[in-house]
Amino acid sequence: MAKQFYTERDIEELAKRGVTTLAVGDDVVLTELAYEKAGQLGVRLEKGSPSGPPCAPVRPYISPAQPRDVACSGSGRPSAAERTDLPTRIRDAVTAKLGALIDPALLDLIIQRVLKSTGVN
């Protein structure tokens, strides 16, 4: 099913028509401004929506740590073998998805920075 996108203007139009509730699911996307406008105009978003805007990305450096499915060395951190293999696995997955669309040197730099910023590398 196609996703339905709502902007700030869409929320204003709904409120003008007297709509007080908007069902939000996996197929409904609100811009951040639409989310704010809904709050200002009293349009309630239903479906156990999170406290932040539905379109907000999960930021692992802000969000609470999630349990890992990876076999770890007992400390809750990846083992040395997993850390050395991780850049290769990431590189292979991105290359498989994007093919020749990405510069290999840039990809390596991005992988190094992300792993360093998350404390994995």
C-alpha atoms as a PDB file:
ATOM      1  CA  MET A   1       0.000   0.000   0.000  1.00  0.00           C
ATOM      2  CA  ALA A   2       1.280   3.491  -0.819  1.00  0.00           C
ATOM      3  CA  LYS A   3       2.214   5.804   1.994  1.00  0.00           C
ATOM      4  CA  GLN A   4       0.151   8.920   2.599  1.00  0.00           C
ATOM      5  CA  PHE A   5       2.084  12.080   3.425  1.00  0.00           C
ATOM      6  CA  TYR A   6       0.672  15.000   5.428  1.00  0.00           C
ATOM      7  CA  THR A   7       2.173  18.476   5.483  1.00  0.00           C
ATOM      8  CA  GLU A   8       1.412  21.450   7.689  1.00  0.00           C
ATOM      9  CA  ARG A   9      -1.063  22.720   5.087  1.00  0.00           C
ATOM     10  CA  ASP A  10      -2.841  19.338   5.007  1.00  0.00           C
ATOM     11  CA  ILE A  11      -3.317  19.453   8.779  1.00  0.00           C
ATOM     12  CA  GLU A  12      -4.679  23.023   8.550  1.00  0.00           C
ATOM     13  CA  GLU A  13      -7.196  21.880   5.924  1.00  0.00           C
ATOM     14  CA  LEU A  14      -8.268  18.915   8.068  1.00  0.00           C
ATOM     15  CA  ALA A  15      -8.778  21.204  11.069  1.00  0.00           C
ATOM     16  CA  LYS A  16     -10.830  23.661   8.956  1.00  0.00           C
ATOM     17  CA  ARG A  17     -13.093  20.773   7.912  1.00  0.00           C
ATOM     18  CA  GLY A  18     -13.617  19.881  11.577  1.00  0.00           C
ATOM     19  CA  VAL A  19     -11.433  16.769  11.692  1.00  0.00           C
ATOM     20  CA  THR A  20     -10.227  16.300  15.277  1.00  0.00           C
ATOM     21  CA  THR A  21      -8.521  12.905  15.001  1.00  0.00           C
ATOM     22  CA  LEU A  22      -6.049  11.509  12.468  1.00  0.00           C
ATOM     23  CA  ALA A  23      -5.215   7.810  12.383  1.00  0.00           C
ATOM     24  CA  VAL A  24      -1.431   7.421  12.125  1.00  0.00           C
ATOM     25  CA  GLY A  25      -0.011   4.067  11.055  1.00  0.00           C
ATOM     26  CA  ASP A  26       2.909   2.644   9.151  1.00  0.00           C
ATOM     27  CA  ASP A  27       1.442   3.946   5.903  1.00  0.00           C
ATOM     28  CA  VAL A  28       0.988   7.537   7.154  1.00  0.00           C
ATOM     29  CA  VAL A  29       3.892   9.991   7.298  1.00  0.00           C
ATOM     30  CA  LEU A  30       3.734  13.468   8.837  1.00  0.00           C
ATOM     31  CA  THR A  31       6.327  16.152   8.356  1.00  0.00           C
ATOM     32  CA  GLU A  32       7.685  17.674  11.550  1.00  0.00           C
ATOM     33  CA  LEU A  33       5.753  20.882  10.848  1.00  0.00           C
ATOM     34  CA  ALA A  34       2.564  18.851  10.318  1.00  0.00           C
ATOM     35  CA  TYR A  35       3.108  17.140  13.655  1.00  0.00           C
ATOM     36  CA  GLU A  36       3.561  20.508  15.387  1.00  0.00           C
ATOM     37  CA  LYS A  37       0.546  22.026  13.600  1.00  0.00           C
ATOM     38  CA  ALA A  38      -1.634  19.096  14.682  1.00  0.00           C
ATOM     39  CA  GLY A  39      -0.693  19.822  18.289  1.00  0.00           C
ATOM     40  CA  GLN A  40      -1.399  23.539  17.897  1.00  0.00           C
ATOM     41  CA  LEU A  41      -4.794  22.983  16.257  1.00  0.00           C
ATOM     42  CA  GLY A  42      -5.880  20.175  18.562  1.00  0.00           C
ATOM     43  CA  VAL A  43      -5.863  17.442  15.921  1.00  0.00           C
ATOM     44  CA  ARG A  44      -5.233  14.265  17.912  1.00  0.00           C
ATOM     45  CA  LEU A  45      -2.929  11.656  16.352  1.00  0.00           C
ATOM     46  CA  GLU A  46      -4.091   8.131  17.161  1.00  0.00           C
ATOM     47  CA  LYS A  47      -2.195   4.806  17.283  1.00  0.00           C
ATOM     48  CA  GLY A  48      -0.078   5.063  20.360  1.00  0.00           C
ATOM     49  CA  SER A  49       2.120   7.566  18.604  1.00  0.00           C
ATOM     50  CA  PRO A  50       5.502   8.237  20.218  1.00  0.00           C
ATOM     51  CA  SER A  51       6.234  11.452  22.055  1.00  0.00           C
ATOM     52  CA  GLY A  52       8.212  12.793  19.109  1.00  0.00           C
ATOM     53  CA  PRO A  53       7.153  13.337  15.517  1.00  0.00           C
ATOM     54  CA  PRO A  54       6.338  10.090  13.696  1.00  0.00           C
ATOM     55  CA  CYS A  55       8.900  10.885  11.007  1.00  0.00           C
ATOM     56  CA  ALA A  56      11.769  11.455  13.435  1.00  0.00           C
ATOM     57  CA  PRO A  57      14.684   9.093  12.827  1.00  0.00           C
ATOM     58  CA  VAL A  58      15.985   6.868  15.565  1.00  0.00           C
ATOM     59  CA  ARG A  59      19.249   8.349  16.753  1.00  0.00           C
ATOM     60  CA  PRO A  60      21.270   5.616  18.481  1.00  0.00           C
ATOM     61  CA  TYR A  61      23.495   8.173  20.177  1.00  0.00           C
ATOM     62  CA  ILE A  62      20.404   9.739  21.804  1.00  0.00           C
ATOM     63  CA  SER A  63      18.008   6.790  22.097  1.00  0.00           C
ATOM     64  CA  PRO A  64      18.400   4.294  24.926  1.00  0.00           C
ATOM     65  CA  ALA A  65      20.621   1.329  24.151  1.00  0.00           C
ATOM     66  CA  GLN A  66      18.807  -1.618  22.618  1.00  0.00           C
ATOM     67  CA  PRO A  67      19.596  -5.228  23.427  1.00  0.00           C
ATOM     68  CA  ARG A  68      22.042  -6.744  20.967  1.00  0.00           C
ATOM     69  CA  ASP A  69      21.427  -9.952  19.058  1.00  0.00           C
ATOM     70  CA  VAL A  70      25.148 -10.288  18.336  1.00  0.00           C
ATOM     71  CA  ALA A  71      27.180 -12.781  20.322  1.00  0.00           C
ATOM     72  CA  CYS A  72      29.361 -10.540  22.453  1.00  0.00           C
ATOM     73  CA  SER A  73      32.438 -11.084  24.511  1.00  0.00           C
ATOM     74  CA  GLY A  74      30.438 -10.888  27.746  1.00  0.00           C
ATOM     75  CA  SER A  75      30.965  -7.153  28.216  1.00  0.00           C
ATOM     76  CA  GLY A  76      27.994  -6.151  26.063  1.00  0.00           C
ATOM     77  CA  ARG A  77      30.428  -5.055  23.347  1.00  0.00           C
ATOM     78  CA  PRO A  78      31.360  -6.896  20.143  1.00  0.00           C
ATOM     79  CA  SER A  79      34.384  -9.144  20.335  1.00  0.00           C
ATOM     80  CA  ALA A  80      37.636  -8.143  18.617  1.00  0.00           C
ATOM     81  CA  ALA A  81      36.862 -10.511  15.727  1.00  0.00           C
ATOM     82  CA  GLU A  82      33.428  -8.938  15.252  1.00  0.00           C
ATOM     83  CA  ARG A  83      34.908  -5.415  15.316  1.00  0.00           C
ATOM     84  CA  THR A  84      37.439  -6.232  12.602  1.00  0.00           C
ATOM     85  CA  ASP A  85      34.828  -8.005  10.462  1.00  0.00           C
ATOM     86  CA  LEU A  86      32.150  -5.315  10.874  1.00  0.00           C
ATOM     87  CA  PRO A  87      33.598  -2.731   8.442  1.00  0.00           C
ATOM     88  CA  THR A  88      33.881  -5.419   5.774  1.00  0.00           C
ATOM     89  CA  ARG A  89      30.306  -6.588   6.329  1.00  0.00           C
ATOM     90  CA  ILE A  90      29.011  -3.005   6.208  1.00  0.00           C
ATOM     91  CA  ARG A  91      31.026  -2.215   3.072  1.00  0.00           C
ATOM     92  CA  ASP A  92      29.756  -5.389   1.357  1.00  0.00           C
ATOM     93  CA  ALA A  93      26.126  -4.656   2.269  1.00  0.00           C
ATOM     94  CA  VAL A  94      26.266  -1.040   1.068  1.00  0.00           C
ATOM     95  CA  THR A  95      28.065  -2.029  -2.134  1.00  0.00           C
ATOM     96  CA  ALA A  96      25.480  -4.746  -2.796  1.00  0.00           C
ATOM     97  CA  LYS A  97      22.688  -2.204  -2.339  1.00  0.00           C
ATOM     98  CA  LEU A  98      24.194   0.779  -4.188  1.00  0.00           C
ATOM     99  CA  GLY A  99      26.702  -0.857  -6.504  1.00  0.00           C
ATOM    100  CA  ALA A 100      28.872   1.631  -8.390  1.00  0.00           C
ATOM    101  CA  LEU A 101      26.879   4.628  -7.116  1.00  0.00           C
ATOM    102  CA  ILE A 102      29.238   5.197  -4.200  1.00  0.00           C
ATOM    103  CA  ASP A 103      32.923   6.091  -4.013  1.00  0.00           C
ATOM    104  CA  PRO A 104      34.754   3.261  -2.161  1.00  0.00           C
ATOM    105  CA  ALA A 105      37.149   5.686  -0.418  1.00  0.00           C
ATOM    106  CA  LEU A 106      34.234   7.819   0.785  1.00  0.00           C
ATOM    107  CA  LEU A 107      32.366   4.737   1.975  1.00  0.00           C
ATOM    108  CA  ASP A 108      35.396   3.578   3.978  1.00  0.00           C
ATOM    109  CA  LEU A 109      35.707   7.014   5.577  1.00  0.00           C
ATOM    110  CA  ILE A 110      32.012   7.072   6.507  1.00  0.00           C
ATOM    111  CA  ILE A 111      32.195   3.572   7.985  1.00  0.00           C
ATOM    112  CA  GLN A 112      35.266   4.488  10.061  1.00  0.00           C
ATOM    113  CA  ARG A 113      33.639   7.674  11.389  1.00  0.00           C
ATOM    114  CA  VAL A 114      30.382   5.972  12.291  1.00  0.00           C
ATOM    115  CA  LEU A 115      32.089   3.086  14.043  1.00  0.00           C
ATOM    116  CA  LYS A 116      34.377   5.477  15.922  1.00  0.00           C
ATOM    117  CA  SER A 117      31.468   7.712  16.987  1.00  0.00           C
ATOM    118  CA  THR A 118      29.522   4.709  18.294  1.00  0.00           C
ATOM    119  CA  GLY A 119      32.553   3.375  20.160  1.00  0.00           C
ATOM    120  CA  VAL A 120      32.611   0.091  18.254  1.00  0.00           C
ATOM    121  CA  ASN A 121      35.944   0.649  16.571  1.00  0.00           C
END
